[in-house]
Amino acid sequence: MKKEALLRIAEIMNSNAVDWGLGGSSMLWFHGLVDRPNDIDLLVAEHDALRAHELLSRLGTYEELQPKEPFCTKYFTHYTILGTEVDVMGLLSIRHAEGIYRLDWRRDANTRIEPLEGVSVPLIPLEDWFVLYLLMPGRSGKADLIEACLKRQGIRRDRLEAALRQPLPAGVRARVFATIAEAGG
């Protein structure tokens, strides 16, 4: 992740009141869980997805991509901004054997905001990415990193309970319940 790209993104999104948050490996970097993020993954509230696209198109080049299985995200856009790959998702959705898991993320009073050179960067909760990584093929290592962190620092039970109200494979559901129990939730 190039810090300059994230700063430019945060400035334009914040100044236009877009409901957005940083996820993926860049979010993990803010938590000290990875040394080097791969790219920048942003979640935007579904109602702000088109406006986010309009704003980010001004910062870099846009490439239209179709989400690859198991993803069936409603709004998915890819940009290159200052040499950094940026994926933007509105109504992030992952198909699995039991149905479709959807995350229409919105900032709330408990959203962690990180300052980056004086610019506010809202972070998607670790709990949301824990469930997403459990559902994504080949990402169990990142789910394990998050789970260990949640057990150390405590959990946002509301985020995991929201995930449990959606269709989930039995193994993922059991892991989320176990994480709540082990974290003292």
N, C-alpha and C. Protein backbone atom coordinates (compact mmCIF):
# COMPACT_ATOMS: atom_id res chain seq x y z
N MET A 1 0.85 -1.19 0.00
CA MET A 1 0.00 0.00 0.00
C MET A 1 0.88 1.23 0.00
N LYS A 2 0.58 2.11 -0.89
CA LYS A 2 1.27 3.39 -0.89
C LYS A 2 0.45 4.36 -0.06
N LYS A 3 1.12 4.91 0.94
CA LYS A 3 0.43 5.81 1.87
C LYS A 3 -0.19 7.00 1.14
N GLU A 4 0.52 7.52 0.15
CA GLU A 4 0.02 8.69 -0.58
C GLU A 4 -1.32 8.39 -1.26
N ALA A 5 -1.46 7.20 -1.83
CA ALA A 5 -2.72 6.83 -2.47
C ALA A 5 -3.85 6.79 -1.44
N LEU A 6 -3.59 6.18 -0.28
CA LEU A 6 -4.62 6.11 0.75
C LEU A 6 -4.98 7.50 1.26
N LEU A 7 -4.00 8.37 1.41
CA LEU A 7 -4.28 9.74 1.84
C LEU A 7 -5.20 10.46 0.85
N ARG A 8 -4.90 10.33 -0.43
CA ARG A 8 -5.73 10.99 -1.45
C ARG A 8 -7.15 10.44 -1.44
N ILE A 9 -7.26 9.11 -1.32
CA ILE A 9 -8.57 8.47 -1.26
C ILE A 9 -9.35 8.96 -0.05
N ALA A 10 -8.73 8.92 1.12
CA ALA A 10 -9.40 9.33 2.36
C ALA A 10 -9.84 10.78 2.28
N GLU A 11 -8.99 11.64 1.75
CA GLU A 11 -9.34 13.06 1.65
C GLU A 11 -10.58 13.27 0.79
N ILE A 12 -10.62 12.64 -0.39
CA ILE A 12 -11.76 12.88 -1.30
C ILE A 12 -13.04 12.21 -0.77
N MET A 13 -12.90 11.03 -0.17
CA MET A 13 -14.09 10.35 0.36
C MET A 13 -14.65 11.12 1.57
N ASN A 14 -13.76 11.53 2.48
CA ASN A 14 -14.21 12.26 3.67
C ASN A 14 -14.82 13.61 3.31
N SER A 15 -14.18 14.34 2.40
CA SER A 15 -14.67 15.69 2.07
C SER A 15 -16.00 15.64 1.32
N ASN A 16 -16.34 14.48 0.76
CA ASN A 16 -17.63 14.31 0.07
C ASN A 16 -18.62 13.47 0.87
N ALA A 17 -18.31 13.24 2.14
CA ALA A 17 -19.20 12.53 3.08
C ALA A 17 -19.63 11.15 2.58
N VAL A 18 -18.71 10.44 1.92
CA VAL A 18 -18.99 9.07 1.49
C VAL A 18 -18.83 8.15 2.70
N ASP A 19 -19.77 7.24 2.88
CA ASP A 19 -19.72 6.27 3.97
C ASP A 19 -18.82 5.12 3.51
N TRP A 20 -17.55 5.14 3.94
CA TRP A 20 -16.56 4.19 3.47
C TRP A 20 -15.71 3.69 4.63
N GLY A 21 -15.01 2.59 4.37
CA GLY A 21 -14.09 2.07 5.36
C GLY A 21 -13.01 1.26 4.68
N LEU A 22 -11.87 1.17 5.34
CA LEU A 22 -10.72 0.43 4.83
C LEU A 22 -10.77 -0.99 5.35
N GLY A 23 -10.57 -1.96 4.45
CA GLY A 23 -10.58 -3.36 4.85
C GLY A 23 -9.36 -4.08 4.32
N GLY A 24 -9.43 -5.40 4.30
CA GLY A 24 -8.38 -6.24 3.74
C GLY A 24 -7.04 -6.07 4.42
N SER A 25 -5.98 -6.28 3.63
CA SER A 25 -4.63 -6.28 4.20
C SER A 25 -4.21 -4.89 4.70
N SER A 26 -4.73 -3.83 4.09
CA SER A 26 -4.40 -2.49 4.58
C SER A 26 -4.99 -2.25 5.97
N MET A 27 -6.20 -2.74 6.20
CA MET A 27 -6.81 -2.65 7.53
C MET A 27 -5.99 -3.48 8.53
N LEU A 28 -5.56 -4.68 8.10
CA LEU A 28 -4.73 -5.52 8.97
C LEU A 28 -3.42 -4.82 9.32
N TRP A 29 -2.87 -4.06 8.37
CA TRP A 29 -1.63 -3.32 8.61
C TRP A 29 -1.82 -2.29 9.74
N PHE A 30 -2.95 -1.59 9.74
CA PHE A 30 -3.23 -0.61 10.80
C PHE A 30 -3.29 -1.30 12.17
N HIS A 31 -3.71 -2.54 12.20
CA HIS A 31 -3.79 -3.30 13.46
C HIS A 31 -2.46 -3.97 13.81
N GLY A 32 -1.46 -3.80 12.95
CA GLY A 32 -0.16 -4.40 13.20
C GLY A 32 -0.11 -5.90 12.94
N LEU A 33 -1.05 -6.42 12.13
CA LEU A 33 -1.13 -7.86 11.89
C LEU A 33 -0.38 -8.30 10.63
N VAL A 34 -0.07 -7.36 9.74
CA VAL A 34 0.75 -7.68 8.56
C VAL A 34 1.79 -6.57 8.39
N ASP A 35 2.92 -6.93 7.81
CA ASP A 35 4.00 -5.96 7.60
C ASP A 35 3.80 -5.11 6.36
N ARG A 36 3.24 -5.72 5.31
CA ARG A 36 3.10 -5.00 4.05
C ARG A 36 1.76 -5.36 3.41
N PRO A 37 0.87 -4.39 3.30
CA PRO A 37 -0.41 -4.66 2.63
C PRO A 37 -0.21 -4.94 1.15
N ASN A 38 -1.11 -5.75 0.60
CA ASN A 38 -1.04 -6.09 -0.83
C ASN A 38 -1.58 -4.96 -1.70
N ASP A 39 -2.68 -4.38 -1.26
CA ASP A 39 -3.39 -3.38 -2.05
C ASP A 39 -4.29 -2.62 -1.09
N ILE A 40 -5.22 -1.87 -1.64
CA ILE A 40 -6.19 -1.14 -0.81
C ILE A 40 -7.57 -1.68 -1.15
N ASP A 41 -8.26 -2.19 -0.12
CA ASP A 41 -9.63 -2.67 -0.27
C ASP A 41 -10.54 -1.72 0.50
N LEU A 42 -11.51 -1.17 -0.20
CA LEU A 42 -12.46 -0.24 0.43
C LEU A 42 -13.85 -0.83 0.35
N LEU A 43 -14.58 -0.69 1.44
CA LEU A 43 -16.01 -0.99 1.42
C LEU A 43 -16.73 0.34 1.49
N VAL A 44 -17.77 0.46 0.69
CA VAL A 44 -18.61 1.65 0.73
C VAL A 44 -20.04 1.18 0.96
N ALA A 45 -20.79 2.01 1.66
CA ALA A 45 -22.20 1.70 1.85
C ALA A 45 -22.84 1.64 0.47
N GLU A 46 -23.78 0.72 0.29
CA GLU A 46 -24.40 0.52 -1.02
C GLU A 46 -24.92 1.84 -1.59
N HIS A 47 -25.53 2.67 -0.75
CA HIS A 47 -26.11 3.92 -1.25
C HIS A 47 -25.05 4.93 -1.71
N ASP A 48 -23.78 4.72 -1.37
CA ASP A 48 -22.71 5.63 -1.77
C ASP A 48 -21.81 5.05 -2.87
N ALA A 49 -22.11 3.85 -3.35
CA ALA A 49 -21.20 3.18 -4.29
C ALA A 49 -21.00 3.97 -5.58
N LEU A 50 -22.04 4.48 -6.16
CA LEU A 50 -21.90 5.20 -7.43
C LEU A 50 -21.16 6.52 -7.24
N ARG A 51 -21.42 7.20 -6.14
CA ARG A 51 -20.71 8.46 -5.86
C ARG A 51 -19.23 8.19 -5.62
N ALA A 52 -18.93 7.11 -4.91
CA ALA A 52 -17.53 6.74 -4.66
C ALA A 52 -16.82 6.50 -5.99
N HIS A 53 -17.48 5.82 -6.92
CA HIS A 53 -16.89 5.56 -8.23
C HIS A 53 -16.60 6.87 -8.96
N GLU A 54 -17.55 7.77 -8.93
CA GLU A 54 -17.37 9.07 -9.59
C GLU A 54 -16.15 9.80 -9.01
N LEU A 55 -16.01 9.79 -7.70
CA LEU A 55 -14.89 10.50 -7.05
C LEU A 55 -13.55 9.82 -7.31
N LEU A 56 -13.51 8.50 -7.18
CA LEU A 56 -12.24 7.79 -7.33
C LEU A 56 -11.77 7.77 -8.78
N SER A 57 -12.69 7.87 -9.71
CA SER A 57 -12.32 7.92 -11.13
C SER A 57 -11.47 9.15 -11.42
N ARG A 58 -11.62 10.19 -10.60
CA ARG A 58 -10.82 11.41 -10.77
C ARG A 58 -9.38 11.22 -10.31
N LEU A 59 -9.15 10.24 -9.44
CA LEU A 59 -7.82 10.05 -8.85
C LEU A 59 -6.92 9.11 -9.63
N GLY A 60 -7.51 8.24 -10.44
CA GLY A 60 -6.67 7.26 -11.13
C GLY A 60 -7.42 6.62 -12.27
N THR A 61 -6.88 5.52 -12.77
CA THR A 61 -7.50 4.83 -13.89
C THR A 61 -8.46 3.77 -13.37
N TYR A 62 -9.55 3.61 -14.09
CA TYR A 62 -10.63 2.70 -13.72
C TYR A 62 -10.63 1.54 -14.68
N GLU A 63 -10.81 0.35 -14.14
CA GLU A 63 -10.93 -0.84 -14.96
C GLU A 63 -12.18 -1.58 -14.52
N GLU A 64 -13.05 -1.87 -15.48
CA GLU A 64 -14.27 -2.60 -15.14
C GLU A 64 -13.95 -4.09 -15.06
N LEU A 65 -14.23 -4.67 -13.92
CA LEU A 65 -14.00 -6.09 -13.71
C LEU A 65 -15.27 -6.73 -13.17
N GLN A 66 -15.49 -7.96 -13.53
CA GLN A 66 -16.60 -8.72 -12.95
C GLN A 66 -16.06 -9.47 -11.74
N PRO A 67 -16.82 -9.50 -10.65
CA PRO A 67 -16.36 -10.27 -9.49
C PRO A 67 -16.22 -11.74 -9.87
N LYS A 68 -15.19 -12.39 -9.36
CA LYS A 68 -14.95 -13.80 -9.62
C LYS A 68 -15.58 -14.62 -8.51
N GLU A 69 -16.10 -15.80 -8.87
CA GLU A 69 -16.66 -16.69 -7.85
C GLU A 69 -15.64 -16.95 -6.76
N PRO A 70 -16.04 -16.97 -5.52
CA PRO A 70 -17.41 -17.02 -5.02
C PRO A 70 -18.03 -15.64 -4.78
N PHE A 71 -17.38 -14.59 -5.24
CA PHE A 71 -17.88 -13.24 -5.00
C PHE A 71 -19.03 -12.92 -5.94
N CYS A 72 -20.04 -12.26 -5.41
CA CYS A 72 -21.16 -11.79 -6.23
C CYS A 72 -21.55 -10.39 -5.74
N THR A 73 -20.52 -9.58 -5.49
CA THR A 73 -20.67 -8.23 -4.97
C THR A 73 -21.43 -7.35 -5.96
N LYS A 74 -22.37 -6.56 -5.45
CA LYS A 74 -23.22 -5.75 -6.33
C LYS A 74 -22.42 -4.66 -7.04
N TYR A 75 -21.62 -3.90 -6.30
CA TYR A 75 -20.80 -2.84 -6.89
C TYR A 75 -19.34 -3.20 -6.67
N PHE A 76 -18.63 -3.48 -7.76
CA PHE A 76 -17.22 -3.83 -7.66
C PHE A 76 -16.46 -3.02 -8.70
N THR A 77 -15.56 -2.17 -8.26
CA THR A 77 -14.76 -1.37 -9.17
C THR A 77 -13.29 -1.49 -8.79
N HIS A 78 -12.44 -1.39 -9.79
CA HIS A 78 -10.99 -1.53 -9.59
C HIS A 78 -10.31 -0.30 -10.19
N TYR A 79 -9.37 0.24 -9.44
CA TYR A 79 -8.65 1.44 -9.87
C TYR A 79 -7.15 1.21 -9.67
N THR A 80 -6.38 1.98 -10.40
CA THR A 80 -4.96 2.14 -10.10
C THR A 80 -4.78 3.61 -9.78
N ILE A 81 -4.41 3.87 -8.53
CA ILE A 81 -4.27 5.25 -8.05
C ILE A 81 -2.84 5.40 -7.54
N LEU A 82 -2.09 6.29 -8.16
CA LEU A 82 -0.69 6.52 -7.81
C LEU A 82 0.09 5.20 -7.74
N GLY A 83 -0.16 4.32 -8.71
CA GLY A 83 0.55 3.06 -8.78
C GLY A 83 0.07 1.98 -7.82
N THR A 84 -0.99 2.25 -7.08
CA THR A 84 -1.52 1.30 -6.09
C THR A 84 -2.84 0.72 -6.60
N GLU A 85 -2.98 -0.60 -6.48
CA GLU A 85 -4.23 -1.27 -6.85
C GLU A 85 -5.28 -1.02 -5.77
N VAL A 86 -6.46 -0.60 -6.18
CA VAL A 86 -7.54 -0.27 -5.25
C VAL A 86 -8.82 -0.97 -5.70
N ASP A 87 -9.39 -1.79 -4.83
CA ASP A 87 -10.68 -2.43 -5.10
C ASP A 87 -11.73 -1.78 -4.20
N VAL A 88 -12.87 -1.44 -4.79
CA VAL A 88 -13.96 -0.81 -4.05
C VAL A 88 -15.19 -1.68 -4.19
N MET A 89 -15.78 -2.02 -3.04
CA MET A 89 -16.93 -2.92 -3.02
C MET A 89 -18.10 -2.30 -2.28
N GLY A 90 -19.24 -2.31 -2.92
CA GLY A 90 -20.50 -1.91 -2.29
C GLY A 90 -21.40 -3.13 -2.25
N LEU A 91 -21.93 -3.44 -1.10
CA LEU A 91 -22.71 -4.65 -0.84
C LEU A 91 -21.86 -5.88 -1.19
N LEU A 92 -20.74 -6.00 -0.48
CA LEU A 92 -19.83 -7.13 -0.64
C LEU A 92 -20.59 -8.42 -0.35
N SER A 93 -20.54 -9.35 -1.31
CA SER A 93 -21.31 -10.59 -1.19
C SER A 93 -20.46 -11.77 -1.61
N ILE A 94 -20.59 -12.87 -0.84
CA ILE A 94 -19.84 -14.09 -1.11
C ILE A 94 -20.83 -15.26 -1.13
N ARG A 95 -20.82 -15.99 -2.26
CA ARG A 95 -21.68 -17.15 -2.42
C ARG A 95 -21.02 -18.36 -1.75
N HIS A 96 -21.82 -19.18 -1.07
CA HIS A 96 -21.31 -20.41 -0.44
C HIS A 96 -22.43 -21.44 -0.46
N ALA A 97 -22.14 -22.63 0.06
CA ALA A 97 -23.08 -23.76 -0.04
C ALA A 97 -24.44 -23.47 0.61
N GLU A 98 -24.48 -22.62 1.61
CA GLU A 98 -25.72 -22.34 2.33
C GLU A 98 -26.47 -21.10 1.84
N GLY A 99 -25.90 -20.40 0.87
CA GLY A 99 -26.55 -19.19 0.39
C GLY A 99 -25.55 -18.10 0.06
N ILE A 100 -25.93 -16.86 0.31
CA ILE A 100 -25.06 -15.72 0.02
C ILE A 100 -24.91 -14.89 1.29
N TYR A 101 -23.65 -14.61 1.66
CA TYR A 101 -23.35 -13.74 2.79
C TYR A 101 -23.15 -12.34 2.22
N ARG A 102 -23.86 -11.36 2.78
CA ARG A 102 -23.77 -9.97 2.31
C ARG A 102 -23.34 -9.05 3.44
N LEU A 103 -22.46 -8.12 3.10
CA LEU A 103 -22.05 -7.11 4.06
C LEU A 103 -22.26 -5.74 3.43
N ASP A 104 -23.36 -5.08 3.82
CA ASP A 104 -23.59 -3.69 3.41
C ASP A 104 -23.07 -2.85 4.57
N TRP A 105 -21.78 -2.62 4.54
CA TRP A 105 -21.13 -1.97 5.67
C TRP A 105 -21.51 -0.50 5.76
N ARG A 106 -21.70 -0.07 6.99
CA ARG A 106 -21.93 1.35 7.29
C ARG A 106 -21.17 1.70 8.55
N ARG A 107 -20.60 2.88 8.54
CA ARG A 107 -19.89 3.37 9.72
C ARG A 107 -20.89 3.55 10.86
N ASP A 108 -20.45 3.25 12.08
CA ASP A 108 -21.30 3.50 13.25
C ASP A 108 -20.47 4.14 14.34
N ALA A 109 -21.09 4.37 15.49
CA ALA A 109 -20.41 5.06 16.58
C ALA A 109 -19.19 4.31 17.09
N ASN A 110 -19.13 3.00 16.85
CA ASN A 110 -18.00 2.20 17.32
C ASN A 110 -16.92 1.97 16.27
N THR A 111 -17.07 2.59 15.10
CA THR A 111 -16.06 2.42 14.05
C THR A 111 -14.74 3.03 14.51
N ARG A 112 -13.68 2.23 14.39
CA ARG A 112 -12.34 2.72 14.74
C ARG A 112 -11.84 3.64 13.63
N ILE A 113 -11.44 4.84 14.02
CA ILE A 113 -10.91 5.82 13.07
C ILE A 113 -9.43 5.98 13.37
N GLU A 114 -8.60 5.76 12.36
CA GLU A 114 -7.15 5.89 12.50
C GLU A 114 -6.69 7.17 11.82
N PRO A 115 -5.86 7.98 12.49
CA PRO A 115 -5.30 9.15 11.82
C PRO A 115 -4.11 8.74 10.95
N LEU A 116 -4.04 9.26 9.75
CA LEU A 116 -2.91 9.03 8.87
C LEU A 116 -2.50 10.40 8.36
N GLU A 117 -1.42 10.92 8.93
CA GLU A 117 -0.95 12.26 8.58
C GLU A 117 -2.07 13.28 8.65
N GLY A 118 -2.87 13.19 9.72
CA GLY A 118 -3.93 14.16 9.96
C GLY A 118 -5.23 13.87 9.22
N VAL A 119 -5.29 12.79 8.45
CA VAL A 119 -6.50 12.44 7.71
C VAL A 119 -7.14 11.22 8.39
N SER A 120 -8.45 11.26 8.56
CA SER A 120 -9.17 10.16 9.21
C SER A 120 -9.40 9.00 8.26
N VAL A 121 -9.02 7.80 8.73
CA VAL A 121 -9.22 6.58 7.95
C VAL A 121 -10.09 5.64 8.78
N PRO A 122 -11.38 5.46 8.40
CA PRO A 122 -12.23 4.53 9.13
C PRO A 122 -11.86 3.08 8.78
N LEU A 123 -11.76 2.24 9.79
CA LEU A 123 -11.40 0.84 9.57
C LEU A 123 -12.64 -0.04 9.70
N ILE A 124 -12.80 -0.96 8.74
CA ILE A 124 -13.86 -1.97 8.85
C ILE A 124 -13.50 -2.83 10.07
N PRO A 125 -14.47 -3.18 10.91
CA PRO A 125 -14.15 -3.98 12.09
C PRO A 125 -13.47 -5.32 11.75
N LEU A 126 -12.52 -5.68 12.59
CA LEU A 126 -11.84 -6.97 12.43
C LEU A 126 -12.85 -8.12 12.37
N GLU A 127 -13.91 -8.01 13.16
CA GLU A 127 -14.92 -9.07 13.21
C GLU A 127 -15.54 -9.32 11.83
N ASP A 128 -15.80 -8.24 11.08
CA ASP A 128 -16.38 -8.39 9.74
C ASP A 128 -15.42 -9.12 8.83
N TRP A 129 -14.13 -8.75 8.89
CA TRP A 129 -13.14 -9.39 8.03
C TRP A 129 -12.83 -10.81 8.48
N PHE A 130 -12.98 -11.09 9.76
CA PHE A 130 -12.82 -12.46 10.24
C PHE A 130 -13.79 -13.38 9.50
N VAL A 131 -15.06 -12.99 9.47
CA VAL A 131 -16.08 -13.80 8.79
C VAL A 131 -15.82 -13.84 7.29
N LEU A 132 -15.49 -12.69 6.68
CA LEU A 132 -15.22 -12.67 5.24
C LEU A 132 -14.06 -13.59 4.88
N TYR A 133 -12.97 -13.52 5.65
CA TYR A 133 -11.82 -14.37 5.36
C TYR A 133 -12.14 -15.86 5.56
N LEU A 134 -13.03 -16.18 6.51
CA LEU A 134 -13.44 -17.57 6.67
C LEU A 134 -14.19 -18.07 5.44
N LEU A 135 -14.90 -17.17 4.77
CA LEU A 135 -15.69 -17.52 3.59
C LEU A 135 -14.88 -17.51 2.29
N MET A 136 -13.74 -16.81 2.28
CA MET A 136 -12.94 -16.69 1.07
C MET A 136 -11.98 -17.87 0.95
N PRO A 137 -11.93 -18.48 -0.23
CA PRO A 137 -10.97 -19.59 -0.42
C PRO A 137 -9.53 -19.11 -0.22
N GLY A 138 -8.75 -19.90 0.51
CA GLY A 138 -7.33 -19.61 0.68
C GLY A 138 -7.00 -18.49 1.63
N ARG A 139 -7.94 -18.05 2.43
CA ARG A 139 -7.67 -16.92 3.33
C ARG A 139 -7.75 -17.31 4.81
N SER A 140 -7.73 -18.60 5.11
CA SER A 140 -7.88 -19.01 6.51
C SER A 140 -6.74 -18.50 7.39
N GLY A 141 -5.54 -18.31 6.81
CA GLY A 141 -4.42 -17.78 7.59
C GLY A 141 -4.71 -16.39 8.12
N LYS A 142 -5.35 -15.56 7.29
CA LYS A 142 -5.71 -14.21 7.74
C LYS A 142 -6.82 -14.27 8.78
N ALA A 143 -7.75 -15.20 8.61
CA ALA A 143 -8.80 -15.37 9.63
C ALA A 143 -8.17 -15.78 10.96
N ASP A 144 -7.16 -16.64 10.92
CA ASP A 144 -6.47 -17.06 12.16
C ASP A 144 -5.79 -15.87 12.83
N LEU A 145 -5.13 -15.01 12.04
CA LEU A 145 -4.48 -13.81 12.60
C LEU A 145 -5.49 -12.93 13.31
N ILE A 146 -6.63 -12.72 12.66
CA ILE A 146 -7.67 -11.87 13.24
C ILE A 146 -8.23 -12.51 14.50
N GLU A 147 -8.49 -13.81 14.46
CA GLU A 147 -9.06 -14.50 15.62
C GLU A 147 -8.15 -14.36 16.83
N ALA A 148 -6.85 -14.54 16.64
CA ALA A 148 -5.90 -14.41 17.76
C ALA A 148 -5.93 -12.99 18.32
N CYS A 149 -6.02 -12.00 17.43
CA CYS A 149 -6.09 -10.60 17.87
C CYS A 149 -7.37 -10.34 18.65
N LEU A 150 -8.50 -10.85 18.16
CA LEU A 150 -9.77 -10.65 18.85
C LEU A 150 -9.75 -11.27 20.24
N LYS A 151 -9.12 -12.43 20.37
CA LYS A 151 -9.04 -13.09 21.68
C LYS A 151 -8.19 -12.28 22.65
N ARG A 152 -7.20 -11.56 22.12
CA ARG A 152 -6.34 -10.70 22.97
C ARG A 152 -7.04 -9.41 23.36
N GLN A 153 -7.69 -8.77 22.41
CA GLN A 153 -8.21 -7.42 22.66
C GLN A 153 -9.71 -7.36 22.93
N GLY A 154 -10.40 -8.48 22.75
CA GLY A 154 -11.85 -8.47 22.95
C GLY A 154 -12.56 -8.31 21.61
N ILE A 155 -13.83 -8.59 21.62
CA ILE A 155 -14.59 -8.58 20.37
C ILE A 155 -15.72 -7.57 20.40
N ARG A 156 -16.17 -7.21 19.21
CA ARG A 156 -17.42 -6.48 19.06
C ARG A 156 -18.47 -7.55 18.79
N ARG A 157 -19.10 -7.98 19.84
CA ARG A 157 -20.09 -9.06 19.76
C ARG A 157 -21.19 -8.73 18.76
N ASP A 158 -21.60 -7.45 18.67
CA ASP A 158 -22.67 -7.07 17.76
C ASP A 158 -22.33 -7.40 16.31
N ARG A 159 -21.06 -7.26 15.94
CA ARG A 159 -20.66 -7.54 14.55
C ARG A 159 -20.74 -9.04 14.25
N LEU A 160 -20.29 -9.87 15.21
CA LEU A 160 -20.35 -11.31 14.99
C LEU A 160 -21.79 -11.82 15.04
N GLU A 161 -22.60 -11.24 15.93
CA GLU A 161 -24.01 -11.64 15.99
C GLU A 161 -24.73 -11.27 14.69
N ALA A 162 -24.38 -10.13 14.10
CA ALA A 162 -24.97 -9.74 12.81
C ALA A 162 -24.61 -10.76 11.74
N ALA A 163 -23.37 -11.23 11.76
CA ALA A 163 -22.94 -12.25 10.78
C ALA A 163 -23.74 -13.54 10.97
N LEU A 164 -24.00 -13.91 12.22
CA LEU A 164 -24.71 -15.16 12.51
C LEU A 164 -26.19 -15.11 12.08
N ARG A 165 -26.72 -13.93 11.82
CA ARG A 165 -28.11 -13.80 11.35
C ARG A 165 -28.21 -14.07 9.84
N GLN A 166 -27.08 -14.29 9.20
CA GLN A 166 -27.07 -14.55 7.76
C GLN A 166 -26.77 -16.02 7.50
N PRO A 167 -27.03 -16.48 6.26
CA PRO A 167 -26.66 -17.86 5.94
C PRO A 167 -25.15 -18.02 6.00
N LEU A 168 -24.71 -19.05 6.70
CA LEU A 168 -23.28 -19.36 6.80
C LEU A 168 -23.10 -20.88 6.76
N PRO A 169 -22.00 -21.35 6.18
CA PRO A 169 -21.72 -22.78 6.26
C PRO A 169 -21.56 -23.19 7.72
N ALA A 170 -21.90 -24.43 8.03
CA ALA A 170 -21.86 -24.91 9.42
C ALA A 170 -20.50 -24.70 10.06
N GLY A 171 -19.42 -24.96 9.34
CA GLY A 171 -18.08 -24.80 9.90
C GLY A 171 -17.76 -23.36 10.26
N VAL A 172 -18.18 -22.43 9.41
CA VAL A 172 -17.95 -21.01 9.68
C VAL A 172 -18.79 -20.58 10.88
N ARG A 173 -20.05 -21.00 10.90
CA ARG A 173 -20.94 -20.67 12.02
C ARG A 173 -20.36 -21.17 13.34
N ALA A 174 -19.86 -22.40 13.35
CA ALA A 174 -19.28 -22.97 14.57
C ALA A 174 -18.05 -22.18 15.00
N ARG A 175 -17.23 -21.77 14.04
CA ARG A 175 -16.02 -21.01 14.37
C ARG A 175 -16.37 -19.65 14.95
N VAL A 176 -17.38 -18.99 14.41
CA VAL A 176 -17.80 -17.68 14.93
C VAL A 176 -18.33 -17.84 16.36
N PHE A 177 -19.18 -18.86 16.59
CA PHE A 177 -19.68 -19.11 17.95
C PHE A 177 -18.52 -19.38 18.91
N ALA A 178 -17.55 -20.18 18.49
CA ALA A 178 -16.39 -20.51 19.34
C ALA A 178 -15.58 -19.26 19.65
N THR A 179 -15.42 -18.39 18.68
CA THR A 179 -14.65 -17.16 18.89
C THR A 179 -15.35 -16.25 19.90
N ILE A 180 -16.67 -16.16 19.80
CA ILE A 180 -17.43 -15.36 20.77
C ILE A 180 -17.21 -15.94 22.17
N ALA A 181 -17.34 -17.26 22.30
CA ALA A 181 -17.20 -17.90 23.60
C ALA A 181 -15.78 -17.75 24.16
N GLU A 182 -14.77 -17.97 23.33
CA GLU A 182 -13.39 -17.90 23.79
C GLU A 182 -12.94 -16.49 24.11
N ALA A 183 -13.54 -15.49 23.47
CA ALA A 183 -13.18 -14.10 23.72
C ALA A 183 -13.97 -13.54 24.91
N GLY A 184 -14.73 -14.40 25.54
CA GLY A 184 -15.48 -13.94 26.71
C GLY A 184 -16.73 -13.19 26.33
N GLY A 185 -17.18 -13.39 25.09
CA GLY A 185 -18.38 -12.71 24.62
C GLY A 185 -19.56 -13.46 25.09
